[in-house]
Amino acid sequence: MNQKIRNQFPSLSRQHNEMPITYLDGPAGTQVPTSVINAISDYYKTSNSNAHGHFVLTQETDVIVEKTRAKVATFLGGEGGHTISFGQNMTTLNFALSRAISGCLQVGDEIIITQLDHESNRAPWLALRAQGVVVREVKLKADGTLDYKDFANKINEKTRLVAMGWAANIFGTINEVRKIRKLTHDVGAWLLLDAVHYAPHLSIDVQAIGCDFLLCSAYKFYGPHVGLLYCKPGLLDRLQPYRLRTAYQHAPYSIETGTLNHAAIAGVKAAVEYVASFGKGKTERAKIVNAMQRIHQHEIGLAQQLWDGLAAMKKVELYGPSMNTAERAPTLSFLYNGKTANEIGQYLGAQNVCTWSGHFYAIKATEVLGLAEKGGVTRMGISVYNTKADIDRTLEIMERLK
């Protein structure tokens, strides 16, 4: 990835205190390219209106929303726009989905979650214990991976749903979802995937995986803050989400509450198109798959450089699978002996290196691994616009740390 790409992101030219800014905060949200900014701005300039009316602005809004549904379905390998719902964010959508699914559950039915997951894919399901649903947690191992023997032991004929992340936002771990899909098929359980941290780095094919539900967030892959929900065709219509009687009572609309953020949705369409622009192929889907392969190759190379540089520092302890793992997200977390994660974050922030410290809402994982009492970890992540110079600068700053 070259300077031409960086020029597409206006924020990357910013300086603070006469120093450049190094953006390694992508796991919490990426920067946004000009094409996405323009799509949002253009909507406000030309088509700002509520939906489903009889005049040109509202008709244009309807077209934008439905085209974005189709675009997101292409991005996820889905069957069409009728499988894609929008929400304020992933967490809000997942709470709505958990309430809807709860209507299909009986006392004693079981749901499986994991100790590695973001709280947005734990809390909505843990809340169902109040109505007699049994929620089991798959154990997290010390190396930042799930215990798949424990996973297999917990899935049984009472399991109705497995809710798990595809990639861990705290350690970059890629979970073995294909193995779990087979186990859920064997007992007739649904599989829900949190792909928020996976979607920016590797291509998704919901049909090939065979998941029933998948959630992600556009602001993690160069778009605005919009939550995205894929539901297998016909599945959402079997559920009863909380909704107004004046709303459309069928998929994909039945889980969407109130007026959508139409301008942001226009930005989501542009974000998918931006990702596709990196790829080659005869169809947009082929371009997206190829683009994600190229993006991941770029990102994982820089992540390896960052990992190796930090690993060479005597006071640094890295967490999660090594970068030599067959499949991994370009995200790494570490502690620095003698400093808290917050102190490292403050030190790097003063040098305009954007990182995060804490638990990143994967609080259960930090508790299990004994990291919570240490204030969590410092996290760095690679995005498409990062360069070798970013890594060199970050490592040089870390080497100066006393």
Protein backbone atom coordinates (compact mmCIF):
# COMPACT_ATOMS: atom_id res chain seq x y z
CA MET A 1 0.00 0.00 0.00
CA ASN A 2 1.44 3.37 -0.99
CA GLN A 3 1.18 7.10 -0.54
CA LYS A 4 -1.66 7.26 -3.07
CA ILE A 5 -3.79 5.29 -0.63
CA ARG A 6 -2.82 7.47 2.31
CA ASN A 7 -3.77 10.56 0.29
CA GLN A 8 -7.33 9.22 0.18
CA PHE A 9 -7.63 9.69 3.96
CA PRO A 10 -7.70 13.40 4.88
CA SER A 11 -7.04 12.72 8.57
CA LEU A 12 -3.67 11.14 7.83
CA SER A 13 -2.18 14.49 6.84
CA ARG A 14 -2.89 15.98 10.25
CA GLN A 15 -0.09 16.89 12.64
CA HIS A 16 -0.19 17.73 16.34
CA ASN A 17 2.49 19.68 18.16
CA GLU A 18 4.42 19.74 14.89
CA MET A 19 4.64 15.95 14.87
CA PRO A 20 2.91 13.42 12.57
CA ILE A 21 0.14 11.23 13.94
CA THR A 22 0.56 7.46 13.72
CA TYR A 23 -2.79 5.66 13.62
CA LEU A 24 -2.55 2.22 15.24
CA ASP A 25 -6.04 2.50 16.74
CA GLY A 26 -7.89 0.76 13.90
CA PRO A 27 -9.35 -2.02 16.09
CA ALA A 28 -11.47 0.67 17.80
CA GLY A 29 -12.46 2.26 14.48
CA THR A 30 -10.63 3.12 11.27
CA GLN A 31 -10.10 6.45 9.58
CA VAL A 32 -12.43 7.31 6.69
CA PRO A 33 -11.52 7.94 3.04
CA THR A 34 -12.68 10.94 1.03
CA SER A 35 -15.10 8.84 -1.03
CA VAL A 36 -17.03 7.88 2.11
CA ILE A 37 -16.99 11.44 3.44
CA ASN A 38 -18.29 12.68 0.07
CA ALA A 39 -21.07 10.09 -0.04
CA ILE A 40 -22.36 11.24 3.35
CA SER A 41 -22.01 14.90 2.44
CA ASP A 42 -23.64 14.46 -0.97
CA TYR A 43 -26.64 12.79 0.61
CA TYR A 44 -27.18 15.80 2.86
CA LYS A 45 -26.66 18.16 -0.08
CA THR A 46 -29.09 16.48 -2.45
CA SER A 47 -31.37 13.82 -0.97
CA ASN A 48 -31.90 14.45 2.74
CA SER A 49 -35.38 13.19 3.55
CA ASN A 50 -37.32 10.60 5.45
CA ALA A 51 -38.22 7.37 3.69
CA HIS A 52 -41.18 5.94 1.75
CA GLY A 53 -42.77 9.11 0.39
CA HIS A 54 -43.92 10.26 -3.07
CA PHE A 55 -41.42 13.00 -3.92
CA VAL A 56 -37.95 12.82 -5.40
CA LEU A 57 -35.82 13.23 -2.25
CA THR A 58 -37.59 10.47 -0.36
CA GLN A 59 -37.52 8.19 -3.38
CA GLU A 60 -33.77 8.76 -3.71
CA THR A 61 -33.38 7.91 -0.03
CA ASP A 62 -35.21 4.62 -0.53
CA VAL A 63 -32.95 3.76 -3.45
CA ILE A 64 -29.80 4.53 -1.45
CA VAL A 65 -30.91 2.37 1.48
CA GLU A 66 -31.87 -0.61 -0.67
CA LYS A 67 -28.71 -0.35 -2.78
CA THR A 68 -26.67 -0.36 0.41
CA ARG A 69 -28.43 -3.50 1.64
CA ALA A 70 -27.49 -5.21 -1.61
CA LYS A 71 -23.93 -3.87 -1.40
CA VAL A 72 -23.46 -5.18 2.15
CA ALA A 73 -24.90 -8.56 1.11
CA THR A 74 -22.25 -8.70 -1.63
CA PHE A 75 -19.57 -7.79 0.91
CA LEU A 76 -20.68 -10.61 3.23
CA GLY A 77 -21.42 -13.18 0.53
CA GLY A 78 -25.12 -13.10 1.37
CA GLU A 79 -28.14 -14.04 -0.70
CA GLY A 80 -29.33 -10.49 -1.29
CA GLY A 81 -30.36 -7.22 0.30
CA HIS A 82 -33.35 -8.84 1.98
CA THR A 83 -30.91 -10.51 4.41
CA ILE A 84 -29.34 -7.25 5.66
CA SER A 85 -30.68 -5.07 8.48
CA PHE A 86 -29.26 -1.80 9.79
CA GLY A 87 -28.93 -0.55 13.34
CA GLN A 88 -27.29 2.09 15.49
CA ASN A 89 -24.42 -0.28 16.22
CA MET A 90 -23.68 -3.97 16.65
CA THR A 91 -24.50 -3.95 20.37
CA THR A 92 -27.95 -2.44 19.86
CA LEU A 93 -28.75 -4.90 17.09
CA ASN A 94 -27.59 -7.85 19.17
CA PHE A 95 -29.73 -6.86 22.14
CA ALA A 96 -32.72 -6.60 19.81
CA LEU A 97 -31.87 -9.98 18.33
CA SER A 98 -31.47 -11.63 21.73
CA ARG A 99 -34.90 -10.38 22.80
CA ALA A 100 -36.38 -11.74 19.58
CA ILE A 101 -34.70 -15.12 19.94
CA SER A 102 -35.76 -15.35 23.59
CA GLY A 103 -39.33 -15.82 22.38
CA CYS A 104 -38.27 -19.12 20.80
CA LEU A 105 -36.65 -20.46 23.97
CA GLN A 106 -38.00 -22.51 26.86
CA VAL A 107 -36.79 -22.87 30.44
CA GLY A 108 -33.77 -25.18 30.38
CA ASP A 109 -32.78 -24.43 26.78
CA GLU A 110 -29.08 -23.69 26.45
CA ILE A 111 -26.97 -20.98 24.80
CA ILE A 112 -23.20 -21.13 24.49
CA ILE A 113 -20.95 -18.06 24.61
CA THR A 114 -17.20 -17.78 25.13
CA GLN A 115 -14.83 -16.17 27.61
CA LEU A 116 -12.95 -14.55 24.72
CA ASP A 117 -15.80 -12.48 23.37
CA HIS A 118 -16.54 -8.78 23.42
CA GLU A 119 -19.29 -8.02 25.96
CA SER A 120 -21.65 -7.09 23.13
CA ASN A 121 -21.84 -10.79 22.31
CA ARG A 122 -22.03 -11.91 25.94
CA ALA A 123 -24.31 -9.57 27.86
CA PRO A 124 -27.37 -9.90 25.55
CA TRP A 125 -27.28 -13.69 26.05
CA LEU A 126 -26.37 -13.68 29.74
CA ALA A 127 -29.48 -11.55 30.32
CA LEU A 128 -31.63 -14.50 29.22
CA ARG A 129 -30.70 -16.41 32.37
CA ALA A 130 -33.44 -14.37 34.04
CA GLN A 131 -36.05 -16.33 32.06
CA GLY A 132 -34.53 -19.73 32.83
CA VAL A 133 -32.23 -20.13 29.84
CA VAL A 134 -28.95 -21.88 30.67
CA VAL A 135 -25.94 -19.93 29.36
CA ARG A 136 -22.66 -21.86 29.24
CA GLU A 137 -19.24 -20.28 28.73
CA VAL A 138 -16.45 -21.89 26.70
CA LYS A 139 -13.10 -21.59 28.45
CA LEU A 140 -10.26 -19.37 27.25
CA LYS A 141 -6.75 -20.81 27.27
CA ALA A 142 -3.62 -18.95 28.37
CA ASP A 143 -2.44 -18.51 24.78
CA GLY A 144 -5.51 -16.45 23.89
CA THR A 145 -7.33 -19.24 22.04
CA LEU A 146 -10.52 -21.07 22.88
CA ASP A 147 -10.58 -24.53 24.42
CA TYR A 148 -12.24 -26.52 21.63
CA LYS A 149 -12.42 -29.69 23.70
CA ASP A 150 -14.45 -27.71 26.24
CA PHE A 151 -16.50 -26.30 23.36
CA ALA A 152 -17.37 -29.78 22.09
CA ASN A 153 -18.25 -30.95 25.59
CA LYS A 154 -20.66 -28.08 26.16
CA ILE A 155 -22.66 -28.45 22.94
CA ASN A 156 -25.51 -30.93 23.38
CA GLU A 157 -29.08 -31.66 22.37
CA LYS A 158 -30.32 -28.80 24.57
CA THR A 159 -28.15 -26.21 22.79
CA ARG A 160 -30.29 -23.78 20.82
CA LEU A 161 -27.70 -21.14 19.94
CA VAL A 162 -23.94 -20.68 19.86
CA ALA A 163 -22.91 -17.01 19.93
CA MET A 164 -19.20 -16.51 19.29
CA GLY A 165 -16.76 -14.07 17.78
CA TRP A 166 -14.99 -14.81 14.53
CA ALA A 167 -11.95 -12.77 15.57
CA ALA A 168 -10.99 -11.48 19.01
CA ASN A 169 -10.58 -7.72 19.21
CA ILE A 170 -8.20 -7.99 22.17
CA PHE A 171 -5.71 -10.62 20.92
CA GLY A 172 -6.32 -10.94 17.17
CA THR A 173 -7.24 -14.61 17.60
CA ILE A 174 -9.19 -16.11 14.69
CA ASN A 175 -11.66 -18.66 16.01
CA GLU A 176 -12.39 -21.97 14.29
CA VAL A 177 -15.95 -21.20 13.27
CA ARG A 178 -16.14 -23.92 10.63
CA LYS A 179 -15.47 -26.56 13.28
CA ILE A 180 -18.20 -25.07 15.48
CA ARG A 181 -20.64 -24.85 12.57
CA LYS A 182 -20.41 -28.62 12.17
CA LEU A 183 -21.05 -29.15 15.88
CA THR A 184 -24.09 -26.86 15.82
CA HIS A 185 -25.46 -28.61 12.74
CA ASP A 186 -25.20 -31.95 14.53
CA VAL A 187 -27.52 -30.75 17.32
CA GLY A 188 -29.71 -28.41 15.24
CA ALA A 189 -28.52 -25.21 16.95
CA TRP A 190 -28.22 -21.76 15.43
CA LEU A 191 -24.80 -20.15 14.98
CA LEU A 192 -24.37 -16.41 15.50
CA LEU A 193 -21.04 -14.82 14.58
CA ASP A 194 -19.70 -11.49 15.80
CA ALA A 195 -17.56 -10.47 12.82
CA VAL A 196 -16.88 -6.89 13.92
CA HIS A 197 -13.14 -7.52 14.24
CA TYR A 198 -12.96 -10.02 11.37
CA ALA A 199 -14.65 -8.01 8.63
CA PRO A 200 -11.92 -5.36 8.19
CA HIS A 201 -9.20 -7.94 7.61
CA LEU A 202 -10.48 -11.09 5.87
CA SER A 203 -13.26 -11.83 3.42
CA ILE A 204 -16.56 -13.23 4.67
CA ASP A 205 -18.83 -15.72 2.94
CA VAL A 206 -21.87 -16.30 5.13
CA GLN A 207 -23.27 -18.93 2.78
CA ALA A 208 -20.06 -20.95 2.75
CA ILE A 209 -19.76 -20.76 6.53
CA GLY A 210 -23.44 -21.55 6.95
CA CYS A 211 -24.01 -19.19 9.87
CA ASP A 212 -27.54 -18.20 10.78
CA PHE A 213 -26.73 -14.69 11.99
CA LEU A 214 -23.70 -12.44 11.54
CA LEU A 215 -23.08 -8.96 12.91
CA CYS A 216 -20.44 -6.39 12.03
CA SER A 217 -19.89 -2.63 12.05
CA ALA A 218 -19.02 -0.43 9.10
CA TYR A 219 -16.85 1.96 11.11
CA LYS A 220 -14.30 -0.83 11.48
CA PHE A 221 -13.83 -1.04 7.69
CA TYR A 222 -13.49 2.63 6.68
CA GLY A 223 -17.15 3.57 6.99
CA PRO A 224 -19.43 5.44 9.43
CA HIS A 225 -20.97 4.16 12.65
CA VAL A 226 -23.69 1.79 11.41
CA GLY A 227 -24.38 -1.71 12.74
CA LEU A 228 -25.01 -4.46 10.19
CA LEU A 229 -26.96 -7.68 10.72
CA TYR A 230 -27.13 -10.62 8.34
CA CYS A 231 -29.94 -13.14 8.89
CA LYS A 232 -30.26 -16.31 6.86
CA PRO A 233 -33.27 -15.99 4.50
CA GLY A 234 -36.56 -16.65 6.27
CA LEU A 235 -35.03 -16.75 9.73
CA LEU A 236 -35.84 -13.21 10.89
CA ASP A 237 -39.47 -13.75 9.91
CA ARG A 238 -39.64 -16.62 12.41
CA LEU A 239 -38.73 -14.24 15.23
CA GLN A 240 -40.70 -11.49 16.94
CA PRO A 241 -38.42 -8.47 17.52
CA TYR A 242 -39.74 -5.52 19.47
CA ARG A 243 -41.25 -3.25 16.82
CA LEU A 244 -44.00 -0.74 16.19
CA ARG A 245 -47.18 -1.90 14.52
CA THR A 246 -46.60 0.91 11.98
CA ALA A 247 -43.25 -0.62 10.93
CA TYR A 248 -42.84 -3.20 8.19
CA GLN A 249 -43.51 -6.54 9.86
CA HIS A 250 -41.10 -8.63 7.78
CA ALA A 251 -37.38 -9.01 7.09
CA PRO A 252 -35.13 -7.14 6.85
CA TYR A 253 -37.11 -4.23 8.32
CA SER A 254 -38.77 -5.86 11.33
CA ILE A 255 -35.73 -5.51 13.59
CA GLU A 256 -35.03 -1.89 12.58
CA THR A 257 -36.55 0.58 15.06
CA GLY A 258 -37.31 4.17 14.14
CA THR A 259 -35.85 6.25 11.33
CA LEU A 260 -32.51 5.01 10.05
CA ASN A 261 -29.40 7.16 9.64
CA HIS A 262 -29.75 7.51 5.87
CA ALA A 263 -26.66 9.65 5.35
CA ALA A 264 -24.49 7.17 7.23
CA ILE A 265 -26.02 4.32 5.23
CA ALA A 266 -24.94 6.11 2.06
CA GLY A 267 -21.46 6.11 3.59
CA VAL A 268 -21.63 2.34 4.20
CA LYS A 269 -22.24 1.78 0.50
CA ALA A 270 -19.21 3.92 -0.32
CA ALA A 271 -17.09 2.04 2.24
CA VAL A 272 -17.83 -1.31 0.59
CA GLU A 273 -17.04 0.21 -2.79
CA TYR A 274 -13.78 1.56 -1.38
CA VAL A 275 -12.74 -1.89 -0.18
CA ALA A 276 -13.69 -3.39 -3.56
CA SER A 277 -11.48 -0.83 -5.33
CA PHE A 278 -8.38 -2.71 -4.11
CA GLY A 279 -9.38 -5.91 -5.89
CA LYS A 280 -9.54 -7.40 -9.34
CA GLY A 281 -12.26 -9.60 -10.80
CA LYS A 282 -15.19 -9.79 -13.16
CA THR A 283 -17.80 -9.19 -10.46
CA GLU A 284 -17.92 -6.92 -7.46
CA ARG A 285 -17.94 -9.96 -5.17
CA ALA A 286 -14.77 -11.27 -6.85
CA LYS A 287 -13.17 -7.85 -6.44
CA ILE A 288 -14.04 -7.78 -2.74
CA VAL A 289 -12.58 -11.24 -2.12
CA ASN A 290 -9.40 -10.34 -3.98
CA ALA A 291 -9.21 -6.98 -2.23
CA MET A 292 -9.43 -8.56 1.20
CA GLN A 293 -6.65 -10.97 0.29
CA ARG A 294 -4.41 -8.07 -0.75
CA ILE A 295 -5.32 -5.96 2.27
CA HIS A 296 -4.67 -8.83 4.67
CA GLN A 297 -1.31 -9.59 3.10
CA HIS A 298 -0.28 -5.97 3.55
CA GLU A 299 -1.59 -5.75 7.11
CA ILE A 300 -0.17 -9.02 8.39
CA GLY A 301 3.29 -8.14 7.06
CA LEU A 302 3.32 -4.92 9.08
CA ALA A 303 1.86 -6.70 12.11
CA GLN A 304 4.71 -9.22 11.93
CA GLN A 305 7.24 -6.37 11.87
CA LEU A 306 5.56 -4.78 14.88
CA TRP A 307 5.37 -8.09 16.77
CA ASP A 308 9.04 -8.90 16.10
CA GLY A 309 10.14 -5.44 17.17
CA LEU A 310 8.19 -5.53 20.42
CA ALA A 311 9.18 -9.14 21.15
CA ALA A 312 12.84 -8.09 20.97
CA MET A 313 12.32 -5.67 23.87
CA LYS A 314 13.15 -7.33 27.18
CA LYS A 315 10.41 -5.59 29.15
CA VAL A 316 7.58 -6.38 26.72
CA GLU A 317 5.26 -9.35 27.16
CA LEU A 318 3.00 -10.06 24.20
CA TYR A 319 -0.36 -11.81 24.50
CA GLY A 320 -2.33 -13.96 22.10
CA PRO A 321 -1.32 -16.28 19.26
CA SER A 322 2.01 -15.53 17.57
CA MET A 323 2.03 -13.89 14.16
CA ASN A 324 3.18 -17.20 12.69
CA THR A 325 -0.28 -18.64 13.33
CA ALA A 326 -1.92 -19.81 10.10
CA GLU A 327 -4.79 -17.32 10.33
CA ARG A 328 -4.66 -14.24 12.52
CA ALA A 329 -5.91 -10.66 12.63
CA PRO A 330 -3.22 -7.92 12.51
CA THR A 331 -3.92 -6.89 16.11
CA LEU A 332 -1.59 -7.37 19.06
CA SER A 333 -1.65 -6.63 22.76
CA PHE A 334 1.15 -6.38 25.28
CA LEU A 335 2.29 -5.29 28.71
CA TYR A 336 5.49 -3.44 29.55
CA ASN A 337 7.20 -4.48 32.79
CA GLY A 338 7.08 -1.69 35.35
CA LYS A 339 4.38 0.29 33.55
CA THR A 340 0.61 -0.04 33.46
CA ALA A 341 -1.21 -0.27 30.15
CA ASN A 342 -2.59 3.23 30.72
CA GLU A 343 0.91 4.61 31.34
CA ILE A 344 2.08 3.12 28.05
CA GLY A 345 -0.96 4.55 26.28
CA GLN A 346 -0.29 8.00 27.74
CA TYR A 347 3.37 7.83 26.78
CA LEU A 348 2.57 6.83 23.20
CA GLY A 349 -0.26 9.35 22.99
CA ALA A 350 2.13 12.16 23.94
CA GLN A 351 4.19 11.12 20.92
CA ASN A 352 1.09 11.10 18.67
CA VAL A 353 0.97 7.32 18.42
CA CYS A 354 -2.70 6.36 18.64
CA THR A 355 -3.25 3.15 20.63
CA TRP A 356 -5.71 1.92 23.22
CA SER A 357 -5.26 0.51 26.69
CA GLY A 358 -7.63 -1.46 28.91
CA HIS A 359 -9.96 -4.39 28.23
CA PHE A 360 -11.65 -3.13 25.02
CA TYR A 361 -14.95 -4.63 26.26
CA ALA A 362 -13.35 -8.10 26.22
CA ILE A 363 -13.36 -7.79 30.00
CA LYS A 364 -13.99 -11.47 30.70
CA ALA A 365 -10.83 -12.41 28.80
CA THR A 366 -8.75 -10.02 30.91
CA GLU A 367 -10.25 -11.45 34.09
CA VAL A 368 -9.58 -15.05 33.08
CA LEU A 369 -5.95 -14.35 32.13
CA GLY A 370 -5.23 -12.23 35.20
CA LEU A 371 -4.87 -9.04 33.19
CA ALA A 372 -7.77 -7.11 34.71
CA GLU A 373 -5.88 -6.29 37.91
CA LYS A 374 -3.04 -4.95 35.76
CA GLY A 375 -5.36 -2.49 34.04
CA GLY A 376 -5.66 -4.58 30.92
CA VAL A 377 -3.20 -4.40 28.06
CA THR A 378 -1.95 -1.96 25.43
CA ARG A 379 -3.36 -2.73 21.98
CA MET A 380 -2.11 -1.83 18.51
CA GLY A 381 -3.72 -2.72 15.20
CA ILE A 382 -2.86 -2.41 11.52
CA SER A 383 -5.18 -0.98 8.86
CA VAL A 384 -4.89 -0.60 5.11
CA TYR A 385 -3.35 2.87 5.33
CA ASN A 386 -0.53 1.94 7.71
CA THR A 387 3.04 1.84 6.45
CA LYS A 388 6.45 0.48 7.41
CA ALA A 389 7.34 4.02 8.47
CA ASP A 390 4.49 3.90 11.04
CA ILE A 391 5.93 0.74 12.54
CA ASP A 392 9.51 2.01 12.48
CA ARG A 393 8.45 5.21 14.26
CA THR A 394 6.42 3.34 16.87
CA LEU A 395 9.21 0.90 17.67
CA GLU A 396 11.74 3.71 17.92
CA ILE A 397 9.48 5.52 20.40
CA MET A 398 9.00 2.33 22.41
CA GLU A 399 12.76 1.79 22.55
CA ARG A 400 13.15 5.22 24.18
CA LEU A 401 10.78 4.25 26.99
CA LYS A 402 12.43 4.23 30.42
